[in-house]
Amino acid sequence: MAGLVGLCAVVALPERAQSATRDPQVPPKQLISPEELRRLLASQKPLLLYVGFRSMYQQAHIPGSEYAGATNSPEGLDALRAHVKSQPKDKLIVIYCGCCPWERCPNIRRAYRELRELGYTNIRVLYIANNFGADWVDKSYPTVKGE
């Protein structure tokens, strides 16, 4: 089933995701669209990690997600490592940021690469084309504020 979810996510991505699917750092099969994640969360409980800036997480984040550190810094990568160290290597982990357009995000690729290097094998990356506000909040998908 998890393989099918990944396949469906690639098929469901909007046309603008064409450039993201050619991203050499995050393979297309690892991407998941906002709509697909919303549906997945209705039936499964992955480890959902926000890997962007704390101030943005506090403004609005996906319910059930955990702040894992902004991975554009060594301290953020350390926080991510600490956050996942007790998780099984095959645990479904979904990471997201949304601080800015996909092409310019300073966090998502580093977080994905770090998790792969740590041996995690079931990682999905939320494809946020523009930013979290436009691609999640403005679609009236669920959010919470604060820590």
Foldseek 3Di string as FASTA:
>chain_A
DLQVLLVVQLVPDDPLCPVVCVPPLAHSSQEGELVSVLVVVVPDQAAEEEQQDPVVQQAKDAPNYDYQYNQLDPVSLVSNCVVCVVPDLATAYEYEYFPAAPVPRSGQSSSVVSSVVVRRDRYHYYHDGGGCCVRPVVVVHDIDHGD
